[in-house]
N, C-alpha and C. Protein backbone atom coordinates (compact mmCIF):
# COMPACT_ATOMS: atom_id res chain seq x y z
N UNK A 1 0.85 -1.19 0.00
CA UNK A 1 0.00 0.00 0.00
C UNK A 1 0.89 1.24 0.00
N UNK A 2 0.28 2.38 -0.14
CA UNK A 2 1.04 3.62 -0.29
C UNK A 2 1.32 4.25 1.06
N UNK A 3 2.27 5.22 1.04
CA UNK A 3 2.51 5.94 2.29
C UNK A 3 1.43 6.99 2.50
N UNK A 4 1.41 7.57 3.67
CA UNK A 4 0.33 8.50 4.05
C UNK A 4 0.25 9.73 3.15
N UNK A 5 1.40 10.29 2.75
CA UNK A 5 1.37 11.49 1.90
C UNK A 5 0.79 11.17 0.52
N UNK A 6 1.24 10.06 -0.07
CA UNK A 6 0.69 9.65 -1.36
C UNK A 6 -0.79 9.35 -1.25
N UNK A 7 -1.17 8.70 -0.16
CA UNK A 7 -2.56 8.38 0.11
C UNK A 7 -3.40 9.65 0.13
N UNK A 8 -2.95 10.66 0.86
CA UNK A 8 -3.67 11.92 0.95
C UNK A 8 -3.78 12.59 -0.42
N UNK A 9 -2.67 12.61 -1.15
CA UNK A 9 -2.66 13.24 -2.46
C UNK A 9 -3.64 12.58 -3.42
N UNK A 10 -3.67 11.25 -3.42
CA UNK A 10 -4.56 10.55 -4.34
C UNK A 10 -6.02 10.66 -3.87
N UNK A 11 -6.24 10.72 -2.57
CA UNK A 11 -7.60 10.96 -2.07
C UNK A 11 -8.10 12.31 -2.58
N UNK A 12 -7.27 13.31 -2.45
CA UNK A 12 -7.63 14.66 -2.91
C UNK A 12 -7.79 14.69 -4.42
N UNK A 13 -6.89 14.05 -5.11
CA UNK A 13 -6.93 14.07 -6.58
C UNK A 13 -8.19 13.37 -7.10
N UNK A 14 -8.57 12.23 -6.52
CA UNK A 14 -9.76 11.54 -6.98
C UNK A 14 -11.04 12.32 -6.61
N UNK A 15 -11.00 13.04 -5.49
CA UNK A 15 -12.15 13.87 -5.13
C UNK A 15 -12.27 15.05 -6.10
N UNK A 16 -11.15 15.67 -6.42
CA UNK A 16 -11.18 16.78 -7.39
C UNK A 16 -11.67 16.30 -8.75
N UNK A 17 -11.25 15.09 -9.12
CA UNK A 17 -11.71 14.50 -10.38
C UNK A 17 -13.23 14.37 -10.35
N UNK A 18 -13.77 13.85 -9.26
CA UNK A 18 -15.23 13.69 -9.12
C UNK A 18 -15.94 15.04 -9.23
N UNK A 19 -15.39 16.05 -8.57
CA UNK A 19 -16.01 17.38 -8.62
C UNK A 19 -15.98 17.96 -10.03
N UNK A 20 -14.90 17.69 -10.76
CA UNK A 20 -14.83 18.15 -12.14
C UNK A 20 -15.84 17.42 -13.03
N UNK A 21 -16.04 16.14 -12.76
CA UNK A 21 -17.04 15.36 -13.52
C UNK A 21 -18.44 15.92 -13.22
N UNK A 22 -18.71 16.21 -11.96
CA UNK A 22 -20.01 16.79 -11.59
C UNK A 22 -20.24 18.11 -12.33
N UNK A 23 -19.22 18.94 -12.33
CA UNK A 23 -19.34 20.25 -13.02
C UNK A 23 -19.58 20.05 -14.51
N UNK A 24 -18.85 19.13 -15.12
CA UNK A 24 -19.06 18.83 -16.53
C UNK A 24 -20.49 18.38 -16.78
N UNK A 25 -20.96 17.45 -15.97
CA UNK A 25 -22.29 16.89 -16.16
C UNK A 25 -23.38 17.96 -16.04
N UNK A 26 -23.17 18.91 -15.16
CA UNK A 26 -24.18 19.97 -15.01
C UNK A 26 -24.18 20.91 -16.20
N UNK A 27 -23.12 20.89 -17.01
CA UNK A 27 -23.05 21.77 -18.18
C UNK A 27 -23.43 21.09 -19.48
N UNK A 28 -23.74 19.80 -19.44
CA UNK A 28 -24.05 19.06 -20.66
C UNK A 28 -25.40 19.46 -21.23
N UNK A 29 -25.56 19.28 -22.55
CA UNK A 29 -26.87 19.56 -23.17
C UNK A 29 -27.98 18.74 -22.51
N UNK A 30 -29.18 19.24 -22.57
CA UNK A 30 -30.31 18.60 -21.88
C UNK A 30 -31.17 17.76 -22.83
N UNK A 31 -30.58 17.10 -23.82
CA UNK A 31 -31.35 16.25 -24.71
C UNK A 31 -31.39 14.82 -24.20
N UNK A 32 -32.21 13.97 -24.82
CA UNK A 32 -32.41 12.61 -24.34
C UNK A 32 -31.14 11.76 -24.40
N UNK A 33 -30.38 11.86 -25.49
CA UNK A 33 -29.16 11.06 -25.63
C UNK A 33 -28.13 11.43 -24.55
N UNK A 34 -27.97 12.71 -24.35
CA UNK A 34 -26.98 13.16 -23.38
C UNK A 34 -27.42 12.84 -21.95
N UNK A 35 -28.72 12.75 -21.72
CA UNK A 35 -29.22 12.39 -20.39
C UNK A 35 -28.65 11.05 -19.95
N UNK A 36 -28.66 10.07 -20.86
CA UNK A 36 -28.15 8.73 -20.55
C UNK A 36 -26.65 8.80 -20.25
N UNK A 37 -25.91 9.52 -21.08
CA UNK A 37 -24.47 9.62 -20.87
C UNK A 37 -24.16 10.36 -19.57
N UNK A 38 -24.92 11.41 -19.27
CA UNK A 38 -24.72 12.19 -18.04
C UNK A 38 -24.92 11.30 -16.82
N UNK A 39 -25.99 10.53 -16.83
CA UNK A 39 -26.30 9.66 -15.69
C UNK A 39 -25.19 8.64 -15.47
N UNK A 40 -24.72 8.01 -16.53
CA UNK A 40 -23.65 7.01 -16.41
C UNK A 40 -22.34 7.66 -15.98
N UNK A 41 -22.04 8.81 -16.56
CA UNK A 41 -20.78 9.50 -16.26
C UNK A 41 -20.73 9.97 -14.81
N UNK A 42 -21.81 10.50 -14.32
CA UNK A 42 -21.82 10.97 -12.92
C UNK A 42 -21.64 9.81 -11.97
N UNK A 43 -22.22 8.66 -12.30
CA UNK A 43 -22.09 7.47 -11.44
C UNK A 43 -20.65 6.97 -11.40
N UNK A 44 -20.06 6.73 -12.56
CA UNK A 44 -18.73 6.14 -12.57
C UNK A 44 -17.65 7.16 -12.24
N UNK A 45 -17.82 8.40 -12.67
CA UNK A 45 -16.81 9.42 -12.43
C UNK A 45 -16.67 9.80 -10.96
N UNK A 46 -17.77 9.69 -10.21
CA UNK A 46 -17.70 10.01 -8.78
C UNK A 46 -17.38 8.77 -7.95
N UNK A 47 -17.52 7.60 -8.52
CA UNK A 47 -17.25 6.36 -7.80
C UNK A 47 -15.75 6.09 -7.61
N UNK A 48 -14.93 6.66 -8.48
CA UNK A 48 -13.49 6.43 -8.42
C UNK A 48 -12.91 6.75 -7.05
N UNK A 49 -13.21 7.93 -6.54
CA UNK A 49 -12.70 8.35 -5.24
C UNK A 49 -13.23 7.49 -4.10
N UNK A 50 -14.48 7.09 -4.20
CA UNK A 50 -15.06 6.23 -3.17
C UNK A 50 -14.37 4.87 -3.16
N UNK A 51 -14.10 4.34 -4.33
CA UNK A 51 -13.39 3.06 -4.42
C UNK A 51 -11.99 3.18 -3.86
N UNK A 52 -11.34 4.29 -4.15
CA UNK A 52 -9.98 4.48 -3.63
C UNK A 52 -9.99 4.56 -2.10
N UNK A 53 -10.95 5.29 -1.56
CA UNK A 53 -11.03 5.39 -0.09
C UNK A 53 -11.28 4.03 0.54
N UNK A 54 -12.10 3.20 -0.12
CA UNK A 54 -12.31 1.86 0.40
C UNK A 54 -11.01 1.06 0.33
N UNK A 55 -10.25 1.24 -0.73
CA UNK A 55 -8.97 0.53 -0.86
C UNK A 55 -8.02 0.94 0.26
N UNK A 56 -8.05 2.19 0.65
CA UNK A 56 -7.19 2.67 1.73
C UNK A 56 -7.53 2.01 3.06
N UNK A 57 -8.72 1.55 3.21
CA UNK A 57 -9.17 0.91 4.45
C UNK A 57 -9.17 -0.62 4.33
N UNK A 58 -8.55 -1.13 3.28
CA UNK A 58 -8.54 -2.58 3.04
C UNK A 58 -7.88 -3.33 4.21
N UNK A 59 -8.42 -4.48 4.49
CA UNK A 59 -7.92 -5.31 5.59
C UNK A 59 -6.84 -6.29 5.14
N UNK A 60 -6.64 -6.37 3.82
CA UNK A 60 -5.64 -7.28 3.30
C UNK A 60 -5.16 -6.79 1.93
N UNK A 61 -4.00 -7.25 1.49
CA UNK A 61 -3.55 -6.88 0.14
C UNK A 61 -4.53 -7.31 -0.96
N UNK A 62 -5.16 -8.46 -0.76
CA UNK A 62 -6.14 -8.91 -1.76
C UNK A 62 -7.35 -7.98 -1.82
N UNK A 63 -7.80 -7.53 -0.66
CA UNK A 63 -8.94 -6.58 -0.63
C UNK A 63 -8.52 -5.25 -1.25
N UNK A 64 -7.29 -4.82 -0.97
CA UNK A 64 -6.77 -3.59 -1.58
C UNK A 64 -6.81 -3.70 -3.10
N UNK A 65 -6.30 -4.79 -3.63
CA UNK A 65 -6.28 -4.97 -5.10
C UNK A 65 -7.70 -5.03 -5.66
N UNK A 66 -8.60 -5.65 -4.94
CA UNK A 66 -9.97 -5.74 -5.40
C UNK A 66 -10.63 -4.36 -5.50
N UNK A 67 -10.44 -3.55 -4.47
CA UNK A 67 -11.02 -2.20 -4.48
C UNK A 67 -10.35 -1.32 -5.53
N UNK A 68 -9.04 -1.44 -5.66
CA UNK A 68 -8.32 -0.67 -6.68
C UNK A 68 -8.76 -1.10 -8.09
N UNK A 69 -8.99 -2.38 -8.26
CA UNK A 69 -9.47 -2.89 -9.55
C UNK A 69 -10.86 -2.36 -9.86
N UNK A 70 -11.70 -2.27 -8.84
CA UNK A 70 -13.04 -1.68 -9.05
C UNK A 70 -12.92 -0.22 -9.44
N UNK A 71 -12.03 0.50 -8.77
CA UNK A 71 -11.79 1.90 -9.14
C UNK A 71 -11.27 2.03 -10.55
N UNK A 72 -10.39 1.12 -10.95
CA UNK A 72 -9.86 1.11 -12.30
C UNK A 72 -10.95 0.89 -13.33
N UNK A 73 -11.87 -0.01 -13.03
CA UNK A 73 -13.01 -0.23 -13.93
C UNK A 73 -13.85 1.03 -14.08
N UNK A 74 -14.08 1.71 -12.96
CA UNK A 74 -14.86 2.96 -13.00
C UNK A 74 -14.14 4.03 -13.83
N UNK A 75 -12.82 4.10 -13.68
CA UNK A 75 -12.04 5.06 -14.46
C UNK A 75 -12.13 4.76 -15.95
N UNK A 76 -12.01 3.49 -16.29
CA UNK A 76 -12.08 3.09 -17.70
C UNK A 76 -13.45 3.42 -18.28
N UNK A 77 -14.50 3.17 -17.49
CA UNK A 77 -15.84 3.50 -17.94
C UNK A 77 -16.01 5.02 -18.10
N UNK A 78 -15.45 5.77 -17.19
CA UNK A 78 -15.50 7.23 -17.29
C UNK A 78 -14.84 7.69 -18.59
N UNK A 79 -13.67 7.13 -18.88
CA UNK A 79 -12.97 7.47 -20.12
C UNK A 79 -13.83 7.14 -21.35
N UNK A 80 -14.54 6.03 -21.28
CA UNK A 80 -15.44 5.62 -22.37
C UNK A 80 -16.54 6.68 -22.60
N UNK A 81 -17.15 7.14 -21.53
CA UNK A 81 -18.22 8.14 -21.67
C UNK A 81 -17.66 9.46 -22.18
N UNK A 82 -16.44 9.83 -21.76
CA UNK A 82 -15.80 11.02 -22.30
C UNK A 82 -15.66 10.88 -23.82
N UNK A 83 -15.17 9.72 -24.25
CA UNK A 83 -15.00 9.47 -25.68
C UNK A 83 -16.32 9.58 -26.43
N UNK A 84 -17.37 9.00 -25.87
CA UNK A 84 -18.68 9.08 -26.52
C UNK A 84 -19.19 10.51 -26.62
N UNK A 85 -18.99 11.29 -25.57
CA UNK A 85 -19.41 12.69 -25.62
C UNK A 85 -18.71 13.44 -26.75
N UNK A 86 -17.43 13.18 -26.91
CA UNK A 86 -16.65 13.84 -27.96
C UNK A 86 -17.06 13.32 -29.34
N UNK A 87 -17.09 12.00 -29.50
CA UNK A 87 -17.35 11.40 -30.80
C UNK A 87 -18.79 11.60 -31.27
N UNK A 88 -19.72 11.80 -30.33
CA UNK A 88 -21.10 12.11 -30.70
C UNK A 88 -21.30 13.60 -30.94
N UNK A 89 -20.23 14.35 -30.77
CA UNK A 89 -20.21 15.80 -30.97
C UNK A 89 -21.13 16.54 -30.00
N UNK A 90 -21.30 15.97 -28.82
CA UNK A 90 -22.06 16.65 -27.77
C UNK A 90 -21.18 17.66 -27.03
N UNK A 91 -19.86 17.36 -26.99
CA UNK A 91 -18.90 18.21 -26.30
C UNK A 91 -17.63 18.28 -27.15
N UNK A 92 -17.10 19.48 -27.38
CA UNK A 92 -15.84 19.57 -28.14
C UNK A 92 -14.69 18.91 -27.38
N UNK A 93 -13.80 18.25 -28.12
CA UNK A 93 -12.65 17.58 -27.51
C UNK A 93 -11.84 18.55 -26.66
N UNK A 94 -11.73 19.80 -27.10
CA UNK A 94 -10.94 20.79 -26.36
C UNK A 94 -11.49 21.00 -24.94
N UNK A 95 -12.81 20.89 -24.80
CA UNK A 95 -13.43 21.09 -23.48
C UNK A 95 -13.14 19.91 -22.55
N UNK A 96 -12.94 18.72 -23.12
CA UNK A 96 -12.73 17.53 -22.31
C UNK A 96 -11.27 17.08 -22.23
N UNK A 97 -10.40 17.73 -22.96
CA UNK A 97 -9.00 17.28 -23.05
C UNK A 97 -8.34 17.12 -21.68
N UNK A 98 -8.48 18.09 -20.80
CA UNK A 98 -7.85 18.01 -19.48
C UNK A 98 -8.43 16.88 -18.63
N UNK A 99 -9.74 16.73 -18.67
CA UNK A 99 -10.37 15.65 -17.91
C UNK A 99 -10.00 14.28 -18.47
N UNK A 100 -9.92 14.17 -19.78
CA UNK A 100 -9.52 12.91 -20.39
C UNK A 100 -8.07 12.57 -20.02
N UNK A 101 -7.23 13.57 -19.99
CA UNK A 101 -5.84 13.34 -19.59
C UNK A 101 -5.76 12.92 -18.12
N UNK A 102 -6.54 13.57 -17.28
CA UNK A 102 -6.55 13.19 -15.86
C UNK A 102 -7.04 11.77 -15.69
N UNK A 103 -8.06 11.37 -16.42
CA UNK A 103 -8.54 9.98 -16.35
C UNK A 103 -7.43 9.02 -16.76
N UNK A 104 -6.71 9.34 -17.83
CA UNK A 104 -5.61 8.48 -18.28
C UNK A 104 -4.51 8.39 -17.22
N UNK A 105 -4.19 9.51 -16.60
CA UNK A 105 -3.15 9.50 -15.56
C UNK A 105 -3.59 8.70 -14.34
N UNK A 106 -4.84 8.86 -13.94
CA UNK A 106 -5.36 8.08 -12.81
C UNK A 106 -5.38 6.59 -13.13
N UNK A 107 -5.74 6.25 -14.36
CA UNK A 107 -5.70 4.84 -14.78
C UNK A 107 -4.30 4.29 -14.62
N UNK A 108 -3.30 5.04 -15.06
CA UNK A 108 -1.91 4.59 -14.95
C UNK A 108 -1.51 4.41 -13.48
N UNK A 109 -1.93 5.31 -12.62
CA UNK A 109 -1.61 5.22 -11.19
C UNK A 109 -2.27 3.99 -10.58
N UNK A 110 -3.54 3.76 -10.90
CA UNK A 110 -4.25 2.61 -10.34
C UNK A 110 -3.62 1.31 -10.82
N UNK A 111 -3.29 1.22 -12.10
CA UNK A 111 -2.64 0.01 -12.64
C UNK A 111 -1.33 -0.25 -11.92
N UNK A 112 -0.52 0.79 -11.77
CA UNK A 112 0.77 0.65 -11.08
C UNK A 112 0.58 0.21 -9.64
N UNK A 113 -0.39 0.77 -8.94
CA UNK A 113 -0.65 0.39 -7.55
C UNK A 113 -1.06 -1.07 -7.43
N UNK A 114 -1.89 -1.52 -8.36
CA UNK A 114 -2.33 -2.92 -8.34
C UNK A 114 -1.15 -3.84 -8.60
N UNK A 115 -0.34 -3.51 -9.61
CA UNK A 115 0.84 -4.33 -9.93
C UNK A 115 1.84 -4.35 -8.79
N UNK A 116 2.08 -3.21 -8.17
CA UNK A 116 3.00 -3.15 -7.04
C UNK A 116 2.50 -4.01 -5.89
N UNK A 117 1.22 -3.95 -5.63
CA UNK A 117 0.64 -4.76 -4.54
C UNK A 117 0.79 -6.25 -4.86
N UNK A 118 0.60 -6.61 -6.11
CA UNK A 118 0.76 -8.03 -6.50
C UNK A 118 2.20 -8.49 -6.29
N UNK A 119 3.16 -7.65 -6.61
CA UNK A 119 4.57 -8.01 -6.46
C UNK A 119 4.95 -8.18 -4.99
N UNK A 120 4.31 -7.42 -4.13
CA UNK A 120 4.62 -7.47 -2.68
C UNK A 120 3.97 -8.64 -1.97
N UNK A 121 3.00 -9.25 -2.63
CA UNK A 121 2.28 -10.36 -1.98
C UNK A 121 2.98 -11.69 -2.16
């Protein structure tokens, strides 16, 4: 598992990510197609931080990996909805570029954490 400073930083980073997703969702067009994407995006985009917090409270390395893997799935799904918003031309890529990059960076961090935990077990 991570040290306390890294833990705090990633807790804050995943919370900020969730807040940015919430802000994005509140600015999306109000049509029927976007409604479905908004609902899915708000669910998975805000779940990442919750999954990470659960991982921080894991009682075993296996539980840690399980929670981190769940968070990774939520991140991947979030990235998928970002792609759909852009490719359906509901949101310009320029508006989502920073959030998409953050999702990619968080994915890389979660993958590395899972792999490191596996090596330590």
